[in-house]
Full PDB file with SEQRES, HELIX, SHEET, SSBOND, CRYST1, ORIGX, SCALE, CONECT and MASTER records, all heavy atoms in Angstrom:
SEQRES   1 A   31  ALA LYS ASN LEU ALA ASN HIS PRO GLY ASN ILE ALA THR          
SEQRES   2 A   31  PRO LEU HIS LEU ALA ARG HIS ALA ASN GLU LEU SER LYS          
SEQRES   3 A   31  LYS PHE GLY PHE SER                                          
HELIX    1 AA1 LYS A    2  ASN A    6  1                                   5    
HELIX    2 AA2 PRO A   14  PHE A   28  1                                  15    
CRYST1    1.000    1.000    1.000  90.00  90.00  90.00 P 1           1          
ORIGX1      1.000000  0.000000  0.000000        0.00000                         
ORIGX2      0.000000  1.000000  0.000000        0.00000                         
ORIGX3      0.000000  0.000000  1.000000        0.00000                         
SCALE1      1.000000  0.000000  0.000000        0.00000                         
SCALE2      0.000000  1.000000  0.000000        0.00000                         
SCALE3      0.000000  0.000000  1.000000        0.00000                         
ATOM      1  N   ALA A   1     -71.806  -1.598  15.779  1.00  0.00           N  
ATOM      2  CA  ALA A   1     -72.857  -1.240  14.820  1.00  0.00           C  
ATOM      3  C   ALA A   1     -73.679  -2.460  14.435  1.00  0.00           C  
ATOM      4  O   ALA A   1     -74.921  -2.407  14.362  1.00  0.00           O  
ATOM      5  CB  ALA A   1     -72.236  -0.592  13.586  1.00  0.00           C  
ATOM      6  N   LYS A   2     -73.009  -3.581  14.182  1.00  0.00           N  
ATOM      7  CA  LYS A   2     -73.734  -4.812  13.832  1.00  0.00           C  
ATOM      8  C   LYS A   2     -74.636  -5.258  14.970  1.00  0.00           C  
ATOM      9  O   LYS A   2     -75.785  -5.664  14.752  1.00  0.00           O  
ATOM     10  CB  LYS A   2     -72.729  -5.929  13.478  1.00  0.00           C  
ATOM     11  CG  LYS A   2     -72.036  -5.740  12.141  1.00  0.00           C  
ATOM     12  CD  LYS A   2     -71.250  -6.974  11.717  1.00  0.00           C  
ATOM     13  CE  LYS A   2     -69.985  -7.169  12.491  1.00  0.00           C  
ATOM     14  NZ  LYS A   2     -69.154  -8.286  11.975  1.00  0.00           N  
ATOM     15  N   ASN A   3     -74.118  -5.166  16.173  1.00  0.00           N  
ATOM     16  CA  ASN A   3     -74.872  -5.630  17.331  1.00  0.00           C  
ATOM     17  C   ASN A   3     -76.154  -4.815  17.531  1.00  0.00           C  
ATOM     18  O   ASN A   3     -77.224  -5.371  17.804  1.00  0.00           O  
ATOM     19  CB  ASN A   3     -74.003  -5.556  18.581  1.00  0.00           C  
ATOM     20  CG  ASN A   3     -74.294  -6.682  19.544  1.00  0.00           C  
ATOM     21  OD1 ASN A   3     -74.300  -7.861  19.164  1.00  0.00           O  
ATOM     22  ND2 ASN A   3     -74.577  -6.344  20.780  1.00  0.00           N  
ATOM     23  N   LEU A   4     -76.045  -3.488  17.395  1.00  0.00           N  
ATOM     24  CA  LEU A   4     -77.214  -2.628  17.541  1.00  0.00           C  
ATOM     25  C   LEU A   4     -78.287  -2.986  16.531  1.00  0.00           C  
ATOM     26  O   LEU A   4     -79.478  -3.003  16.841  1.00  0.00           O  
ATOM     27  CB  LEU A   4     -76.808  -1.161  17.375  1.00  0.00           C  
ATOM     28  CG  LEU A   4     -76.103  -0.516  18.563  1.00  0.00           C  
ATOM     29  CD1 LEU A   4     -75.527   0.832  18.160  1.00  0.00           C  
ATOM     30  CD2 LEU A   4     -77.050  -0.347  19.740  1.00  0.00           C  
ATOM     31  N   ALA A   5     -77.875  -3.269  15.305  1.00  0.00           N  
ATOM     32  CA  ALA A   5     -78.828  -3.540  14.230  1.00  0.00           C  
ATOM     33  C   ALA A   5     -79.407  -4.947  14.278  1.00  0.00           C  
ATOM     34  O   ALA A   5     -80.517  -5.178  13.780  1.00  0.00           O  
ATOM     35  CB  ALA A   5     -78.165  -3.306  12.872  1.00  0.00           C  
ATOM     36  N   ASN A   6     -78.691  -5.886  14.858  1.00  0.00           N  
ATOM     37  CA  ASN A   6     -79.146  -7.277  14.848  1.00  0.00           C  
ATOM     38  C   ASN A   6     -80.254  -7.575  15.858  1.00  0.00           C  
ATOM     39  O   ASN A   6     -80.955  -8.579  15.730  1.00  0.00           O  
ATOM     40  CB  ASN A   6     -77.964  -8.220  15.102  1.00  0.00           C  
ATOM     41  CG  ASN A   6     -77.128  -8.449  13.853  1.00  0.00           C  
ATOM     42  OD1 ASN A   6     -77.634  -8.401  12.733  1.00  0.00           O  
ATOM     43  ND2 ASN A   6     -75.840  -8.693  14.031  1.00  0.00           N  
ATOM     44  N   HIS A   7     -80.401  -6.738  16.864  1.00  0.00           N  
ATOM     45  CA  HIS A   7     -81.458  -6.971  17.847  1.00  0.00           C  
ATOM     46  C   HIS A   7     -82.837  -6.877  17.185  1.00  0.00           C  
ATOM     47  O   HIS A   7     -83.032  -6.100  16.251  1.00  0.00           O  
ATOM     48  CB  HIS A   7     -81.375  -5.952  18.989  1.00  0.00           C  
ATOM     49  CG  HIS A   7     -80.284  -6.225  19.973  1.00  0.00           C  
ATOM     50  ND1 HIS A   7     -80.329  -7.280  20.855  1.00  0.00           N  
ATOM     51  CD2 HIS A   7     -79.110  -5.587  20.204  1.00  0.00           C  
ATOM     52  CE1 HIS A   7     -79.235  -7.271  21.603  1.00  0.00           C  
ATOM     53  NE2 HIS A   7     -78.481  -6.265  21.225  1.00  0.00           N  
ATOM     54  N   PRO A   8     -83.806  -7.655  17.657  1.00  0.00           N  
ATOM     55  CA  PRO A   8     -85.158  -7.610  17.068  1.00  0.00           C  
ATOM     56  C   PRO A   8     -85.871  -6.309  17.408  1.00  0.00           C  
ATOM     57  O   PRO A   8     -85.507  -5.606  18.364  1.00  0.00           O  
ATOM     58  CB  PRO A   8     -85.851  -8.811  17.716  1.00  0.00           C  
ATOM     59  CG  PRO A   8     -85.143  -8.998  19.020  1.00  0.00           C  
ATOM     60  CD  PRO A   8     -83.712  -8.626  18.764  1.00  0.00           C  
ATOM     61  N   GLY A   9     -86.912  -6.020  16.638  1.00  0.00           N  
ATOM     62  CA  GLY A   9     -87.619  -4.760  16.783  1.00  0.00           C  
ATOM     63  C   GLY A   9     -88.309  -4.577  18.114  1.00  0.00           C  
ATOM     64  O   GLY A   9     -88.512  -3.436  18.550  1.00  0.00           O  
ATOM     65  N   ASN A  10     -88.677  -5.675  18.774  1.00  0.00           N  
ATOM     66  CA  ASN A  10     -89.329  -5.520  20.086  1.00  0.00           C  
ATOM     67  C   ASN A  10     -88.333  -5.144  21.191  1.00  0.00           C  
ATOM     68  O   ASN A  10     -88.723  -4.727  22.272  1.00  0.00           O  
ATOM     69  CB  ASN A  10     -90.088  -6.796  20.484  1.00  0.00           C  
ATOM     70  CG  ASN A  10     -89.186  -8.001  20.620  1.00  0.00           C  
ATOM     71  OD1 ASN A  10     -88.279  -8.205  19.818  1.00  0.00           O  
ATOM     72  ND2 ASN A  10     -89.433  -8.828  21.613  1.00  0.00           N  
ATOM     73  N   ILE A  11     -87.045  -5.286  20.906  1.00  0.00           N  
ATOM     74  CA  ILE A  11     -85.990  -4.877  21.842  1.00  0.00           C  
ATOM     75  C   ILE A  11     -85.380  -3.543  21.376  1.00  0.00           C  
ATOM     76  O   ILE A  11     -85.262  -2.596  22.149  1.00  0.00           O  
ATOM     77  CB  ILE A  11     -84.881  -5.947  21.937  1.00  0.00           C  
ATOM     78  CG1 ILE A  11     -85.474  -7.285  22.407  1.00  0.00           C  
ATOM     79  CG2 ILE A  11     -83.759  -5.475  22.854  1.00  0.00           C  
ATOM     80  CD1 ILE A  11     -86.055  -7.263  23.801  1.00  0.00           C  
ATOM     81  N   ALA A  12     -84.983  -3.503  20.126  1.00  0.00           N  
ATOM     82  CA  ALA A  12     -84.290  -2.325  19.591  1.00  0.00           C  
ATOM     83  C   ALA A  12     -85.293  -1.266  19.154  1.00  0.00           C  
ATOM     84  O   ALA A  12     -85.515  -1.025  17.969  1.00  0.00           O  
ATOM     85  CB  ALA A  12     -83.390  -2.721  18.425  1.00  0.00           C  
ATOM     86  N   THR A  13     -85.911  -0.625  20.120  1.00  0.00           N  
ATOM     87  CA  THR A  13     -86.838   0.475  19.880  1.00  0.00           C  
ATOM     88  C   THR A  13     -86.055   1.784  19.763  1.00  0.00           C  
ATOM     89  O   THR A  13     -84.846   1.817  20.038  1.00  0.00           O  
ATOM     90  CB  THR A  13     -87.825   0.582  21.049  1.00  0.00           C  
ATOM     91  OG1 THR A  13     -87.063   0.864  22.237  1.00  0.00           O  
ATOM     92  CG2 THR A  13     -88.598  -0.713  21.237  1.00  0.00           C  
ATOM     93  N   PRO A  14     -86.700   2.884  19.375  1.00  0.00           N  
ATOM     94  CA  PRO A  14     -86.002   4.174  19.370  1.00  0.00           C  
ATOM     95  C   PRO A  14     -85.379   4.521  20.726  1.00  0.00           C  
ATOM     96  O   PRO A  14     -84.261   5.044  20.786  1.00  0.00           O  
ATOM     97  CB  PRO A  14     -87.105   5.160  18.980  1.00  0.00           C  
ATOM     98  CG  PRO A  14     -88.027   4.358  18.116  1.00  0.00           C  
ATOM     99  CD  PRO A  14     -88.028   2.997  18.738  1.00  0.00           C  
ATOM    100  N   LEU A  15     -86.087   4.220  21.818  1.00  0.00           N  
ATOM    101  CA  LEU A  15     -85.538   4.485  23.148  1.00  0.00           C  
ATOM    102  C   LEU A  15     -84.299   3.644  23.426  1.00  0.00           C  
ATOM    103  O   LEU A  15     -83.327   4.113  24.032  1.00  0.00           O  
ATOM    104  CB  LEU A  15     -86.601   4.215  24.217  1.00  0.00           C  
ATOM    105  CG  LEU A  15     -87.660   5.311  24.406  1.00  0.00           C  
ATOM    106  CD1 LEU A  15     -88.808   4.786  25.275  1.00  0.00           C  
ATOM    107  CD2 LEU A  15     -87.042   6.556  25.040  1.00  0.00           C  
ATOM    108  N   HIS A  16     -84.316   2.386  22.984  1.00  0.00           N  
ATOM    109  CA  HIS A  16     -83.171   1.488  23.141  1.00  0.00           C  
ATOM    110  C   HIS A  16     -81.969   2.055  22.392  1.00  0.00           C  
ATOM    111  O   HIS A  16     -80.845   2.085  22.925  1.00  0.00           O  
ATOM    112  CB  HIS A  16     -83.547   0.099  22.591  1.00  0.00           C  
ATOM    113  CG  HIS A  16     -82.425  -0.891  22.534  1.00  0.00           C  
ATOM    114  ND1 HIS A  16     -81.568  -0.982  21.467  1.00  0.00           N  
ATOM    115  CD2 HIS A  16     -82.030  -1.860  23.411  1.00  0.00           C  
ATOM    116  CE1 HIS A  16     -80.698  -1.955  21.683  1.00  0.00           C  
ATOM    117  NE2 HIS A  16     -80.961  -2.498  22.853  1.00  0.00           N  
ATOM    118  N   LEU A  17     -82.193   2.528  21.187  1.00  0.00           N  
ATOM    119  CA  LEU A  17     -81.118   3.087  20.371  1.00  0.00           C  
ATOM    120  C   LEU A  17     -80.538   4.334  21.042  1.00  0.00           C  
ATOM    121  O   LEU A  17     -79.308   4.494  21.126  1.00  0.00           O  
ATOM    122  CB  LEU A  17     -81.651   3.429  18.978  1.00  0.00           C  
ATOM    123  CG  LEU A  17     -80.632   3.754  17.890  1.00  0.00           C  
ATOM    124  CD1 LEU A  17     -79.689   2.584  17.654  1.00  0.00           C  
ATOM    125  CD2 LEU A  17     -81.349   4.115  16.593  1.00  0.00           C  
ATOM    126  N   ALA A  18     -81.421   5.189  21.550  1.00  0.00           N  
ATOM    127  CA  ALA A  18     -80.969   6.413  22.217  1.00  0.00           C  
ATOM    128  C   ALA A  18     -80.185   6.089  23.487  1.00  0.00           C  
ATOM    129  O   ALA A  18     -79.146   6.716  23.771  1.00  0.00           O  
ATOM    130  CB  ALA A  18     -82.171   7.292  22.555  1.00  0.00           C  
ATOM    131  N   ARG A  19     -80.649   5.115  24.233  1.00  0.00           N  
ATOM    132  CA  ARG A  19     -79.982   4.732  25.477  1.00  0.00           C  
ATOM    133  C   ARG A  19     -78.570   4.212  25.205  1.00  0.00           C  
ATOM    134  O   ARG A  19     -77.613   4.567  25.894  1.00  0.00           O  
ATOM    135  CB  ARG A  19     -80.812   3.684  26.212  1.00  0.00           C  
ATOM    136  CG  ARG A  19     -80.247   3.311  27.577  1.00  0.00           C  
ATOM    137  CD  ARG A  19     -81.235   2.489  28.390  1.00  0.00           C  
ATOM    138  NE  ARG A  19     -81.587   1.231  27.752  1.00  0.00           N  
ATOM    139  CZ  ARG A  19     -82.769   0.966  27.208  1.00  0.00           C  
ATOM    140  NH1 ARG A  19     -83.721   1.872  27.214  1.00  0.00           N  
ATOM    141  NH2 ARG A  19     -83.014  -0.209  26.651  1.00  0.00           N  
ATOM    142  N   HIS A  20     -78.452   3.365  24.176  1.00  0.00           N  
ATOM    143  CA  HIS A  20     -77.135   2.822  23.846  1.00  0.00           C  
ATOM    144  C   HIS A  20     -76.196   3.890  23.309  1.00  0.00           C  
ATOM    145  O   HIS A  20     -74.989   3.877  23.599  1.00  0.00           O  
ATOM    146  CB  HIS A  20     -77.278   1.659  22.865  1.00  0.00           C  
ATOM    147  CG  HIS A  20     -77.571   0.354  23.539  1.00  0.00           C  
ATOM    148  ND1 HIS A  20     -76.586  -0.523  23.928  1.00  0.00           N  
ATOM    149  CD2 HIS A  20     -78.740  -0.189  23.946  1.00  0.00           C  
ATOM    150  CE1 HIS A  20     -77.136  -1.571  24.525  1.00  0.00           C  
ATOM    151  NE2 HIS A  20     -78.436  -1.397  24.546  1.00  0.00           N  
ATOM    152  N   ALA A  21     -76.717   4.812  22.518  1.00  0.00           N  
ATOM    153  CA  ALA A  21     -75.891   5.912  22.024  1.00  0.00           C  
ATOM    154  C   ALA A  21     -75.352   6.726  23.198  1.00  0.00           C  
ATOM    155  O   ALA A  21     -74.172   7.122  23.218  1.00  0.00           O  
ATOM    156  CB  ALA A  21     -76.703   6.800  21.085  1.00  0.00           C  
ATOM    157  N   ASN A  22     -76.180   6.959  24.181  1.00  0.00           N  
ATOM    158  CA  ASN A  22     -75.773   7.728  25.363  1.00  0.00           C  
ATOM    159  C   ASN A  22     -74.716   6.975  26.171  1.00  0.00           C  
ATOM    160  O   ASN A  22     -73.719   7.557  26.623  1.00  0.00           O  
ATOM    161  CB  ASN A  22     -76.997   8.028  26.228  1.00  0.00           C  
ATOM    162  CG  ASN A  22     -76.697   9.016  27.325  1.00  0.00           C  
ATOM    163  OD1 ASN A  22     -76.080  10.051  27.085  1.00  0.00           O  
ATOM    164  ND2 ASN A  22     -77.111   8.709  28.547  1.00  0.00           N  
ATOM    165  N   GLU A  23     -74.907   5.666  26.338  1.00  0.00           N  
ATOM    166  CA  GLU A  23     -73.929   4.866  27.076  1.00  0.00           C  
ATOM    167  C   GLU A  23     -72.572   4.855  26.370  1.00  0.00           C  
ATOM    168  O   GLU A  23     -71.519   4.973  27.008  1.00  0.00           O  
ATOM    169  CB  GLU A  23     -74.454   3.432  27.233  1.00  0.00           C  
ATOM    170  CG  GLU A  23     -75.623   3.308  28.213  1.00  0.00           C  
ATOM    171  CD  GLU A  23     -76.232   1.916  28.209  1.00  0.00           C  
ATOM    172  OE1 GLU A  23     -75.767   1.055  27.431  1.00  0.00           O  
ATOM    173  OE2 GLU A  23     -77.189   1.692  28.985  1.00  0.00           O  
ATOM    174  N   LEU A  24     -72.601   4.703  25.039  1.00  0.00           N  
ATOM    175  CA  LEU A  24     -71.352   4.676  24.277  1.00  0.00           C  
ATOM    176  C   LEU A  24     -70.657   6.035  24.306  1.00  0.00           C  
ATOM    177  O   LEU A  24     -69.419   6.104  24.328  1.00  0.00           O  
ATOM    178  CB  LEU A  24     -71.626   4.246  22.832  1.00  0.00           C  
ATOM    179  CG  LEU A  24     -72.018   2.772  22.650  1.00  0.00           C  
ATOM    180  CD1 LEU A  24     -72.576   2.535  21.258  1.00  0.00           C  
ATOM    181  CD2 LEU A  24     -70.814   1.861  22.895  1.00  0.00           C  
ATOM    182  N   SER A  25     -71.430   7.110  24.325  1.00  0.00           N  
ATOM    183  CA  SER A  25     -70.830   8.450  24.372  1.00  0.00           C  
ATOM    184  C   SER A  25     -70.033   8.637  25.663  1.00  0.00           C  
ATOM    185  O   SER A  25     -68.956   9.229  25.668  1.00  0.00           O  
ATOM    186  CB  SER A  25     -71.915   9.519  24.236  1.00  0.00           C  
ATOM    187  OG  SER A  25     -72.692   9.635  25.420  1.00  0.00           O  
ATOM    188  N   LYS A  26     -70.568   8.127  26.755  1.00  0.00           N  
ATOM    189  CA  LYS A  26     -69.870   8.236  28.042  1.00  0.00           C  
ATOM    190  C   LYS A  26     -68.626   7.339  28.064  1.00  0.00           C  
ATOM    191  O   LYS A  26     -67.590   7.709  28.635  1.00  0.00           O  
ATOM    192  CB  LYS A  26     -70.806   7.850  29.179  1.00  0.00           C  
ATOM    193  CG  LYS A  26     -71.963   8.837  29.373  1.00  0.00           C  
ATOM    194  CD  LYS A  26     -72.946   8.338  30.430  1.00  0.00           C  
ATOM    195  CE  LYS A  26     -74.112   9.309  30.587  1.00  0.00           C  
ATOM    196  NZ  LYS A  26     -75.136   8.800  31.548  1.00  0.00           N  
ATOM    197  N   LYS A  27     -68.735   6.195  27.454  1.00  0.00           N  
ATOM    198  CA  LYS A  27     -67.615   5.247  27.457  1.00  0.00           C  
ATOM    199  C   LYS A  27     -66.455   5.724  26.589  1.00  0.00           C  
ATOM    200  O   LYS A  27     -65.283   5.560  26.958  1.00  0.00           O  
ATOM    201  CB  LYS A  27     -68.109   3.873  26.978  1.00  0.00           C  
ATOM    202  CG  LYS A  27     -67.043   2.793  26.973  1.00  0.00           C  
ATOM    203  CD  LYS A  27     -67.635   1.456  26.550  1.00  0.00           C  
ATOM    204  CE  LYS A  27     -66.560   0.369  26.530  1.00  0.00           C  
ATOM    205  NZ  LYS A  27     -67.114  -0.953  26.118  1.00  0.00           N  
ATOM    206  N   PHE A  28     -66.774   6.316  25.430  1.00  0.00           N  
ATOM    207  CA  PHE A  28     -65.716   6.619  24.459  1.00  0.00           C  
ATOM    208  C   PHE A  28     -65.399   8.113  24.338  1.00  0.00           C  
ATOM    209  O   PHE A  28     -64.465   8.484  23.641  1.00  0.00           O  
ATOM    210  CB  PHE A  28     -66.085   6.043  23.094  1.00  0.00           C  
ATOM    211  CG  PHE A  28     -66.126   4.538  23.084  1.00  0.00           C  
ATOM    212  CD1 PHE A  28     -67.329   3.860  23.056  1.00  0.00           C  
ATOM    213  CD2 PHE A  28     -64.959   3.807  23.139  1.00  0.00           C  
ATOM    214  CE1 PHE A  28     -67.382   2.470  23.066  1.00  0.00           C  
ATOM    215  CE2 PHE A  28     -64.980   2.418  23.143  1.00  0.00           C  
ATOM    216  CZ  PHE A  28     -66.196   1.748  23.118  1.00  0.00           C  
ATOM    217  N   GLY A  29     -66.181   8.974  24.972  1.00  0.00           N  
ATOM    218  CA  GLY A  29     -65.779  10.373  25.024  1.00  0.00           C  
ATOM    219  C   GLY A  29     -66.286  11.241  23.901  1.00  0.00           C  
ATOM    220  O   GLY A  29     -65.518  12.052  23.354  1.00  0.00           O  
ATOM    221  N   PHE A  30     -67.548  11.100  23.533  1.00  0.00           N  
ATOM    222  CA  PHE A  30     -68.191  12.071  22.648  1.00  0.00           C  
ATOM    223  C   PHE A  30     -69.515  12.461  23.295  1.00  0.00           C  
ATOM    224  O   PHE A  30     -69.950  11.826  24.253  1.00  0.00           O  
ATOM    225  CB  PHE A  30     -68.392  11.520  21.227  1.00  0.00           C  
ATOM    226  CG  PHE A  30     -69.110  10.204  21.135  1.00  0.00           C  
ATOM    227  CD1 PHE A  30     -70.496  10.145  21.023  1.00  0.00           C  
ATOM    228  CD2 PHE A  30     -68.413   8.996  21.132  1.00  0.00           C  
ATOM    229  CE1 PHE A  30     -71.167   8.933  20.925  1.00  0.00           C  
ATOM    230  CE2 PHE A  30     -69.072   7.774  21.035  1.00  0.00           C  
ATOM    231  CZ  PHE A  30     -70.455   7.747  20.934  1.00  0.00           C  
ATOM    232  N   SER A  31     -70.133  13.522  22.830  1.00  0.00           N  
ATOM    233  CA  SER A  31     -71.345  14.000  23.483  1.00  0.00           C  
ATOM    234  C   SER A  31     -72.585  13.399  22.839  1.00  0.00           C  
ATOM    235  O   SER A  31     -72.584  13.038  21.659  1.00  0.00           O  
ATOM    236  CB  SER A  31     -71.421  15.526  23.432  1.00  0.00           C  
ATOM    237  OG  SER A  31     -71.677  15.969  22.117  1.00  0.00           O  
TER     238      SER A  31                                                      
MASTER        0    0    0    2    0    0    0    6  237    1    0    3          
END                                                                             
C-alpha cells in the first residue's frame, strides 16, 4: 500500500493503479 501511494503522479496514474490491482489479484487470489 505504501509503495503504490509513494510513486509520483506522472507514474501512478489511474491506469497504473488499475494495472497493479489486477497484477496483485492474480498473485494473491482475489478477483
